[in-house]
Amino acid sequence: MLHAKRKKVVSLLLAGVLAVLSCSCGNSSKEESSKEEADSNPRTEMRDDMTTSQIVEEMGLGINLGNTLEACGDWIDSSGGVNSYETAWGSPTITEDMIAGYAAAGFDSVRIPVAWSNLMAEDYTIAPELLDRVETVAQYVLDNGMYAVVNLHWDNGWIAGFSTDYDTCMEKYTRIWEQVTERFADYGDHLILESMNEEGCFDDLWNRYSGSDDSKAEAYGIVNRINQQFVDLVRDSRGNNPRRHLLIAGYATDVDLTCDEAFQMPQDEAGRCAVSVHYYTPPTFCILEEDADWGKAKTMWGSPRDQRILENDMDKLKSRFLDNGVPVIIGEYGCFTKNKTEETVRTFLTAVAQAAYTKGMCPMLWDVTGVFYDRNNCRMLDSQLEQDLQEIAAAPRDGVHNVSGN
């Protein structure tokens, strides 16, 4: 009887031990599973084996969330908070469904232009509300499997002051990026930071039509110093930032001016920088809606000469950057649609996308509310354009350009 009880007790003890071990193993399995999920989460995953060239390739075709978080103006009532700015230039409040619609349309990356000065104290402290909102929109992008590019946009034009008051402007620039890098420090490699928009040019010092060699060197030198400060700031911050892939704005983000040898990519021990240019060529087609003193508005695009200029521009970028291991992102391309047929607009957009994409670049369409994408109904307005872009993204492209670790 005692033996039987002892046997029963031992059996119960063994059962308890096995149960504990079973629970322990189960927890271990869950912990490993949770870790694997965290490691593959676009919000947090940082892949050390991915070069910037490979990241740019994965970014596929991109689109801009234009005229939204970068909207600014003294007439906007700041008492309404972030939403007053977000909707000031005509955009509805951004929702996750809108962003999901980008992914459904075939885009793999979204650029989020931001005016950080909109809600900023005199000591350059950005309102937490604005940081929160930008982070939320970036999360929408990441959670839909796309890459997010967060930048410093025109921001009421204060960057132009670098040529006359460098130290004050650099103090503001530094404070902005200290706060932005801190906010996004723990995000993975699907979150890319961009040094500035196309304001990195100083026509008061030099432009392509006038100015001495010395003034040109000074103007380019300011842009080069700003970009170097940007890289140094990010690399010296915490979390994943020392390894983050960065986007460096070219001189005026202009193809010819950025391909000029006076423009220099910043030194980066991590070797994780791409260059950004914008493509609005020819401006008489892309920008002008009516004749101006500097040009006659062009309503058609697609002649052999038009195609040749586009290919030559892409070849310049390939020779200057891709062939030297620097990935290229066309941070903006597009055109105004007034006085142009839908077919002509489509021809231009698909030609630029294809010319850039097939060479391994990431072209990012500049879009604002109701032009190419309907933010209210979360879909592309031109279904043929959507199909054409998807076919471009599915076509073969040049191999990844990977030199010097980029």
Protein backbone atom coordinates (compact mmCIF):
# COMPACT_ATOMS: atom_id res chain seq x y z
CA MET A 1 0.00 0.00 0.00
CA LEU A 2 2.79 2.40 0.95
CA HIS A 3 4.63 1.32 -2.15
CA ALA A 4 1.56 2.01 -4.22
CA LYS A 5 1.15 5.45 -2.67
CA ARG A 6 4.83 6.17 -3.16
CA LYS A 7 4.55 5.05 -6.76
CA LYS A 8 1.53 7.29 -7.21
CA VAL A 9 3.31 10.24 -5.62
CA VAL A 10 6.36 9.69 -7.82
CA SER A 11 4.09 9.46 -10.84
CA LEU A 12 2.39 12.70 -9.89
CA LEU A 13 5.74 14.39 -9.34
CA LEU A 14 7.00 13.17 -12.71
CA ALA A 15 3.82 14.36 -14.34
CA GLY A 16 4.28 17.75 -12.73
CA VAL A 17 7.88 17.95 -13.86
CA LEU A 18 6.90 16.98 -17.39
CA ALA A 19 4.13 19.56 -17.35
CA VAL A 20 6.58 22.24 -16.24
CA LEU A 21 9.06 21.16 -18.88
CA SER A 22 6.31 21.11 -21.45
CA CYS A 23 5.25 24.63 -20.51
CA SER A 24 8.85 25.73 -20.48
CA CYS A 25 9.44 24.30 -23.94
CA GLY A 26 6.24 25.88 -25.14
CA ASN A 27 7.29 29.28 -23.81
CA SER A 28 10.72 28.88 -25.39
CA SER A 29 9.11 28.08 -28.71
CA LYS A 30 6.79 31.08 -28.39
CA GLU A 31 9.71 33.32 -27.43
CA GLU A 32 11.69 32.13 -30.44
CA SER A 33 8.65 32.62 -32.65
CA SER A 34 8.12 36.11 -31.24
CA LYS A 35 11.78 36.93 -31.82
CA GLU A 36 11.58 35.71 -35.42
CA GLU A 37 8.47 37.82 -35.97
CA ALA A 38 10.20 40.86 -34.47
CA ASP A 39 13.28 40.26 -36.62
CA SER A 40 11.14 40.19 -39.78
CA ASN A 41 8.94 43.14 -38.79
CA PRO A 42 9.39 46.01 -41.29
CA ARG A 43 9.12 48.44 -38.37
CA THR A 44 12.20 47.07 -36.60
CA GLU A 45 14.13 44.73 -38.90
CA MET A 46 17.66 45.94 -39.73
CA ARG A 47 19.39 43.62 -42.18
CA ASP A 48 23.16 43.93 -42.04
CA ASP A 49 23.58 41.89 -45.21
CA MET A 50 21.54 44.31 -47.34
CA THR A 51 23.45 46.94 -49.29
CA THR A 52 21.87 50.28 -50.09
CA SER A 53 21.78 49.26 -53.76
CA GLN A 54 19.71 46.24 -52.82
CA ILE A 55 17.43 48.38 -50.66
CA VAL A 56 16.87 50.79 -53.56
CA GLU A 57 16.09 47.85 -55.82
CA GLU A 58 13.50 46.60 -53.30
CA MET A 59 11.95 50.08 -53.18
CA GLY A 60 10.68 49.40 -56.69
CA LEU A 61 8.37 52.15 -57.91
CA GLY A 62 7.56 54.81 -55.34
CA ILE A 63 5.07 57.62 -54.81
CA ASN A 64 5.10 60.89 -52.87
CA LEU A 65 2.56 61.87 -50.24
CA GLY A 66 2.74 65.38 -51.65
CA ASN A 67 1.12 68.63 -50.45
CA THR A 68 0.33 67.09 -47.09
CA LEU A 69 2.69 67.08 -44.11
CA GLU A 70 4.95 69.59 -45.87
CA ALA A 71 2.12 72.08 -46.38
CA CYS A 72 3.01 75.40 -44.79
CA GLY A 73 2.08 79.08 -44.81
CA ASP A 74 1.56 81.96 -42.42
CA TRP A 75 -2.16 81.92 -43.21
CA ILE A 76 -2.66 78.46 -41.71
CA ASP A 77 -4.22 78.49 -38.23
CA SER A 78 -1.65 76.69 -36.09
CA SER A 79 -4.14 76.43 -33.22
CA GLY A 80 -5.71 73.57 -35.15
CA GLY A 81 -2.58 71.52 -34.69
CA VAL A 82 -1.07 69.12 -37.20
CA ASN A 83 -4.34 68.51 -39.03
CA SER A 84 -4.63 72.18 -39.96
CA TYR A 85 -1.39 71.86 -41.90
CA GLU A 86 -1.98 68.33 -43.17
CA THR A 87 -5.20 69.39 -44.89
CA ALA A 88 -4.27 73.01 -45.74
CA TRP A 89 -3.29 72.33 -49.34
CA GLY A 90 -6.30 70.18 -50.16
CA SER A 91 -5.44 66.73 -48.86
CA PRO A 92 -7.90 64.82 -46.71
CA THR A 93 -6.53 63.56 -43.41
CA ILE A 94 -4.28 60.61 -44.18
CA THR A 95 -5.66 57.22 -43.21
CA GLU A 96 -4.16 53.75 -43.27
CA ASP A 97 -6.62 52.80 -46.02
CA MET A 98 -5.14 55.51 -48.25
CA ILE A 99 -1.65 54.15 -47.70
CA ALA A 100 -2.83 50.56 -48.19
CA GLY A 101 -4.21 51.71 -51.53
CA TYR A 102 -0.69 52.68 -52.62
CA ALA A 103 0.51 49.16 -51.90
CA ALA A 104 -2.48 47.66 -53.71
CA ALA A 105 -1.68 49.83 -56.74
CA GLY A 106 1.81 48.32 -56.90
CA PHE A 107 3.99 50.91 -55.16
CA ASP A 108 6.76 49.61 -52.92
CA SER A 109 7.87 52.88 -51.34
CA VAL A 110 6.34 56.15 -50.14
CA ARG A 111 8.15 59.44 -49.65
CA ILE A 112 6.77 61.56 -46.81
CA PRO A 113 7.75 65.24 -47.23
CA VAL A 114 7.64 67.18 -43.95
CA ALA A 115 7.74 70.83 -42.88
CA TRP A 116 9.15 70.48 -39.37
CA SER A 117 8.98 74.21 -38.61
CA ASN A 118 5.18 74.27 -38.67
CA LEU A 119 4.92 73.33 -35.00
CA MET A 120 8.23 74.33 -33.48
CA ALA A 121 9.25 76.37 -30.44
CA GLU A 122 11.77 79.21 -30.58
CA ASP A 123 14.48 76.86 -29.37
CA TYR A 124 13.72 74.58 -32.36
CA THR A 125 11.91 71.97 -30.29
CA ILE A 126 9.45 70.16 -32.56
CA ALA A 127 5.99 69.69 -31.07
CA PRO A 128 5.50 66.06 -30.00
CA GLU A 129 2.17 66.14 -31.85
CA LEU A 130 3.96 66.63 -35.18
CA LEU A 131 6.54 63.94 -34.48
CA ASP A 132 3.72 61.61 -33.46
CA ARG A 133 1.79 62.26 -36.65
CA VAL A 134 4.76 61.75 -38.97
CA GLU A 135 5.59 58.55 -37.11
CA THR A 136 2.01 57.31 -37.44
CA VAL A 137 1.96 57.90 -41.20
CA ALA A 138 5.36 56.20 -41.52
CA GLN A 139 3.94 53.25 -39.59
CA TYR A 140 1.05 53.04 -42.07
CA VAL A 141 3.63 52.72 -44.83
CA LEU A 142 5.78 50.14 -43.03
CA ASP A 143 2.81 48.07 -41.90
CA ASN A 144 1.76 47.75 -45.54
CA GLY A 145 5.12 46.29 -46.49
CA MET A 146 6.55 49.40 -48.15
CA TYR A 147 9.61 51.56 -47.58
CA ALA A 148 9.11 55.00 -46.01
CA VAL A 149 11.32 57.99 -46.81
CA VAL A 150 11.04 60.85 -44.29
CA ASN A 151 12.64 64.14 -45.24
CA LEU A 152 13.06 67.82 -44.43
CA HIS A 153 11.14 69.60 -47.20
CA TRP A 154 10.96 73.27 -48.29
CA ASP A 155 9.74 74.21 -44.80
CA ASN A 156 8.99 77.87 -45.60
CA GLY A 157 12.34 78.31 -47.31
CA TRP A 158 14.64 78.88 -44.33
CA ILE A 159 17.34 76.66 -45.85
CA ALA A 160 18.12 79.47 -48.32
CA GLY A 161 19.59 81.36 -45.36
CA PHE A 162 22.61 79.06 -45.18
CA SER A 163 24.43 81.30 -47.66
CA THR A 164 24.15 84.38 -45.41
CA ASP A 165 23.82 82.99 -41.87
CA TYR A 166 25.31 79.53 -41.94
CA ASP A 167 25.72 79.03 -38.19
CA THR A 168 22.14 79.93 -37.27
CA CYS A 169 20.71 77.75 -40.03
CA MET A 170 22.99 74.87 -39.10
CA GLU A 171 21.88 75.12 -35.48
CA LYS A 172 18.26 74.73 -36.59
CA TYR A 173 19.12 71.96 -39.05
CA THR A 174 21.03 70.08 -36.36
CA ARG A 175 18.23 70.39 -33.81
CA ILE A 176 15.67 69.10 -36.30
CA TRP A 177 17.65 66.01 -37.16
CA GLU A 178 18.61 65.32 -33.55
CA GLN A 179 14.91 65.04 -32.73
CA VAL A 180 13.91 63.12 -35.85
CA THR A 181 16.73 60.59 -35.50
CA GLU A 182 15.80 60.06 -31.85
CA ARG A 183 12.16 59.47 -32.75
CA PHE A 184 12.98 56.89 -35.44
CA ALA A 185 16.07 55.36 -33.82
CA ASP A 186 14.54 51.94 -33.24
CA TYR A 187 12.98 51.58 -36.68
CA GLY A 188 14.47 49.13 -39.16
CA ASP A 189 15.89 49.50 -42.64
CA HIS A 190 12.50 50.08 -44.26
CA LEU A 191 12.69 53.60 -42.76
CA ILE A 192 14.98 55.91 -44.72
CA LEU A 193 15.90 59.49 -43.82
CA GLU A 194 16.56 62.15 -46.49
CA SER A 195 18.84 65.13 -45.84
CA MET A 196 16.66 67.78 -47.51
CA ASN A 197 14.54 68.51 -50.56
CA GLU A 198 15.56 70.44 -53.67
CA GLU A 199 16.42 73.58 -51.69
CA GLY A 200 20.10 72.65 -51.56
CA CYS A 201 21.18 75.38 -53.97
CA PHE A 202 22.15 78.99 -53.49
CA ASP A 203 21.34 81.16 -56.47
CA ASP A 204 22.37 84.28 -54.58
CA LEU A 205 25.93 82.93 -54.76
CA TRP A 206 25.94 81.10 -58.06
CA ASN A 207 23.67 79.64 -60.72
CA ARG A 208 24.26 77.91 -64.02
CA TYR A 209 23.80 81.17 -65.92
CA SER A 210 26.05 83.46 -63.90
CA GLY A 211 28.71 83.43 -61.22
CA SER A 212 32.43 82.82 -60.86
CA ASP A 213 34.24 79.56 -60.22
CA ASP A 214 34.86 80.70 -56.66
CA SER A 215 31.18 81.42 -56.02
CA LYS A 216 30.28 78.06 -57.53
CA ALA A 217 32.70 76.32 -55.19
CA GLU A 218 31.18 78.21 -52.26
CA ALA A 219 27.61 77.28 -53.20
CA TYR A 220 28.42 73.62 -53.72
CA GLY A 221 30.55 73.63 -50.59
CA ILE A 222 27.55 74.63 -48.46
CA VAL A 223 25.45 71.77 -49.84
CA ASN A 224 28.29 69.31 -49.33
CA ARG A 225 28.75 70.47 -45.73
CA ILE A 226 25.03 70.21 -44.96
CA ASN A 227 24.92 66.66 -46.30
CA GLN A 228 28.02 65.70 -44.34
CA GLN A 229 26.51 67.11 -41.15
CA PHE A 230 23.37 65.09 -41.83
CA VAL A 231 25.30 61.84 -42.14
CA ASP A 232 27.41 62.59 -39.06
CA LEU A 233 24.32 63.43 -37.00
CA VAL A 234 22.55 60.22 -37.93
CA ARG A 235 25.61 58.04 -37.43
CA ASP A 236 26.34 59.55 -34.01
CA SER A 237 22.81 58.89 -32.76
CA ARG A 238 21.49 55.75 -31.09
CA GLY A 239 19.57 52.62 -32.04
CA ASN A 240 19.66 51.53 -35.67
CA ASN A 241 20.73 54.95 -36.94
CA PRO A 242 24.46 54.12 -37.21
CA ARG A 243 23.44 51.52 -39.82
CA ARG A 244 20.45 53.29 -41.36
CA HIS A 245 20.26 53.73 -45.13
CA LEU A 246 20.26 57.44 -45.98
CA LEU A 247 19.19 59.53 -48.95
CA ILE A 248 21.44 62.45 -49.85
CA ALA A 249 19.91 65.36 -51.75
CA GLY A 250 21.88 66.35 -54.83
CA TYR A 251 22.62 69.96 -55.74
CA ALA A 252 19.15 71.43 -56.33
CA THR A 253 18.30 67.74 -56.93
CA ASP A 254 18.98 68.64 -60.56
CA VAL A 255 20.48 65.93 -62.78
CA ASP A 256 23.14 68.08 -64.47
CA LEU A 257 24.05 70.06 -61.35
CA THR A 258 24.26 66.93 -59.21
CA CYS A 259 26.37 65.10 -61.79
CA ASP A 260 28.82 68.03 -61.68
CA GLU A 261 32.08 67.03 -60.00
CA ALA A 262 31.65 69.92 -57.56
CA PHE A 263 28.93 67.90 -55.85
CA GLN A 264 30.40 65.34 -53.48
CA MET A 265 28.71 62.53 -51.64
CA PRO A 266 29.41 62.72 -47.90
CA GLN A 267 31.92 60.45 -46.21
CA ASP A 268 30.11 57.56 -44.55
CA GLU A 269 31.92 54.75 -42.76
CA ALA A 270 28.73 52.68 -42.92
CA GLY A 271 28.68 52.98 -46.71
CA ARG A 272 24.90 53.27 -46.75
CA CYS A 273 24.02 56.37 -48.76
CA ALA A 274 22.05 56.87 -51.97
CA VAL A 275 21.73 60.11 -53.92
CA SER A 276 18.46 61.86 -54.76
CA VAL A 277 17.64 63.85 -57.87
CA HIS A 278 14.29 65.06 -59.21
CA TYR A 279 13.12 64.79 -62.79
CA TYR A 280 10.96 67.52 -64.30
CA THR A 281 12.55 67.63 -67.75
CA PRO A 282 11.71 69.41 -69.94
CA PRO A 283 10.32 72.07 -67.59
CA THR A 284 8.32 73.56 -70.45
CA PHE A 285 6.28 70.34 -70.42
CA CYS A 286 6.41 69.40 -66.74
CA ILE A 287 6.09 72.82 -65.08
CA LEU A 288 4.66 75.36 -67.52
CA GLU A 289 0.90 75.38 -67.92
CA GLU A 290 0.92 78.60 -69.93
CA ASP A 291 3.60 80.44 -71.92
CA ALA A 292 6.08 82.42 -69.83
CA ASP A 293 8.93 84.82 -70.53
CA TRP A 294 11.41 81.96 -70.11
CA GLY A 295 9.68 79.40 -72.32
CA LYS A 296 6.69 78.29 -74.33
CA ALA A 297 4.40 75.76 -72.66
CA LYS A 298 4.71 72.32 -74.22
CA THR A 299 1.59 70.15 -74.24
CA MET A 300 2.98 67.03 -75.92
CA TRP A 301 5.84 64.68 -75.03
CA GLY A 302 7.23 61.57 -76.67
CA SER A 303 9.16 62.60 -79.77
CA PRO A 304 12.45 60.85 -80.58
CA ARG A 305 14.23 63.94 -79.27
CA ASP A 306 12.27 63.80 -76.01
CA GLN A 307 13.16 60.14 -75.58
CA ARG A 308 16.81 60.81 -76.38
CA ILE A 309 17.08 63.55 -73.74
CA LEU A 310 15.53 61.26 -71.13
CA GLU A 311 17.91 58.41 -71.93
CA ASN A 312 20.91 60.74 -71.92
CA ASP A 313 19.94 62.04 -68.48
CA MET A 314 19.61 58.50 -67.10
CA ASP A 315 22.98 57.61 -68.64
CA LYS A 316 24.56 60.61 -66.89
CA LEU A 317 23.29 59.36 -63.54
CA LYS A 318 24.51 55.86 -64.29
CA SER A 319 27.98 57.05 -65.25
CA ARG A 320 28.38 59.50 -62.36
CA PHE A 321 26.80 57.45 -59.58
CA LEU A 322 25.65 53.91 -60.32
CA ASP A 323 28.91 52.91 -61.97
CA ASN A 324 30.75 54.23 -58.91
CA GLY A 325 28.65 52.31 -56.41
CA VAL A 326 26.23 55.08 -55.44
CA PRO A 327 22.55 54.08 -55.73
CA VAL A 328 20.13 56.61 -57.21
CA ILE A 329 16.59 57.49 -56.21
CA ILE A 330 14.51 59.79 -58.40
CA GLY A 331 12.87 61.39 -55.38
CA GLU A 332 10.29 63.19 -57.52
CA TYR A 333 9.13 63.03 -61.11
CA GLY A 334 5.89 64.12 -62.69
CA CYS A 335 4.13 66.91 -64.54
CA PHE A 336 1.21 69.26 -64.32
CA THR A 337 -1.75 67.91 -66.26
CA LYS A 338 -3.47 71.12 -67.39
CA ASN A 339 -3.79 71.40 -71.21
CA LYS A 340 -2.34 67.89 -71.64
CA THR A 341 -4.11 64.74 -72.75
CA GLU A 342 -4.26 61.80 -70.39
CA GLU A 343 -2.35 59.75 -72.96
CA THR A 344 0.49 62.29 -73.17
CA VAL A 345 0.81 62.46 -69.39
CA ARG A 346 0.80 58.68 -69.19
CA THR A 347 3.45 58.42 -71.91
CA PHE A 348 5.77 60.76 -70.03
CA LEU A 349 5.30 59.18 -66.61
CA THR A 350 5.79 55.63 -67.81
CA ALA A 351 8.82 56.59 -69.90
CA VAL A 352 10.57 58.18 -66.92
CA ALA A 353 9.65 55.30 -64.63
CA GLN A 354 10.90 52.71 -67.09
CA ALA A 355 14.12 54.55 -67.96
CA ALA A 356 15.04 54.89 -64.29
CA TYR A 357 13.76 51.52 -63.07
CA THR A 358 15.48 49.41 -65.70
CA LYS A 359 18.82 50.94 -64.68
CA GLY A 360 18.31 49.99 -61.04
CA MET A 361 17.04 53.34 -59.77
CA CYS A 362 13.88 53.91 -57.74
CA PRO A 363 11.57 56.48 -59.40
CA MET A 364 9.07 58.11 -57.00
CA LEU A 365 6.04 59.74 -58.60
CA TRP A 366 5.17 63.21 -57.30
CA ASP A 367 1.48 63.12 -56.49
CA VAL A 368 -0.92 65.44 -54.72
CA THR A 369 -4.59 65.02 -53.94
CA GLY A 370 -6.71 64.05 -56.93
CA VAL A 371 -4.05 64.14 -59.65
CA PHE A 372 -2.88 60.56 -60.10
CA TYR A 373 -4.23 58.90 -56.96
CA ASP A 374 -7.68 59.42 -55.44
CA ARG A 375 -7.10 59.66 -51.69
CA ASN A 376 -10.81 59.69 -50.93
CA ASN A 377 -11.47 56.39 -52.69
CA CYS A 378 -7.97 54.95 -52.22
CA ARG A 379 -7.25 54.09 -55.83
CA MET A 380 -5.37 55.26 -58.90
CA LEU A 381 -7.43 57.56 -61.13
CA ASP A 382 -5.95 56.25 -64.39
CA SER A 383 -6.27 52.46 -64.42
CA GLN A 384 -4.16 52.24 -67.57
CA LEU A 385 -1.33 54.16 -65.90
CA GLU A 386 -1.61 51.82 -62.93
CA GLN A 387 -1.36 48.79 -65.21
CA ASP A 388 1.56 50.25 -67.18
CA LEU A 389 3.52 50.99 -64.00
CA GLN A 390 2.86 47.50 -62.67
CA GLU A 391 4.17 46.02 -65.92
CA ILE A 392 7.33 48.11 -65.60
CA ALA A 393 7.84 46.87 -62.04
CA ALA A 394 7.44 43.27 -63.18
CA ALA A 395 9.93 43.53 -66.05
CA PRO A 396 13.62 42.55 -65.86
CA ARG A 397 16.04 45.27 -64.82
CA ASP A 398 19.79 45.80 -64.70
CA GLY A 399 21.67 44.01 -61.93
CA VAL A 400 22.28 45.69 -58.60
CA HIS A 401 25.20 48.10 -58.77
CA ASN A 402 27.25 47.31 -55.72
CA VAL A 403 30.65 48.89 -55.31
CA SER A 404 32.35 50.02 -52.08
CA GLY A 405 29.64 48.48 -49.92
CA ASN A 406 26.74 50.74 -50.94
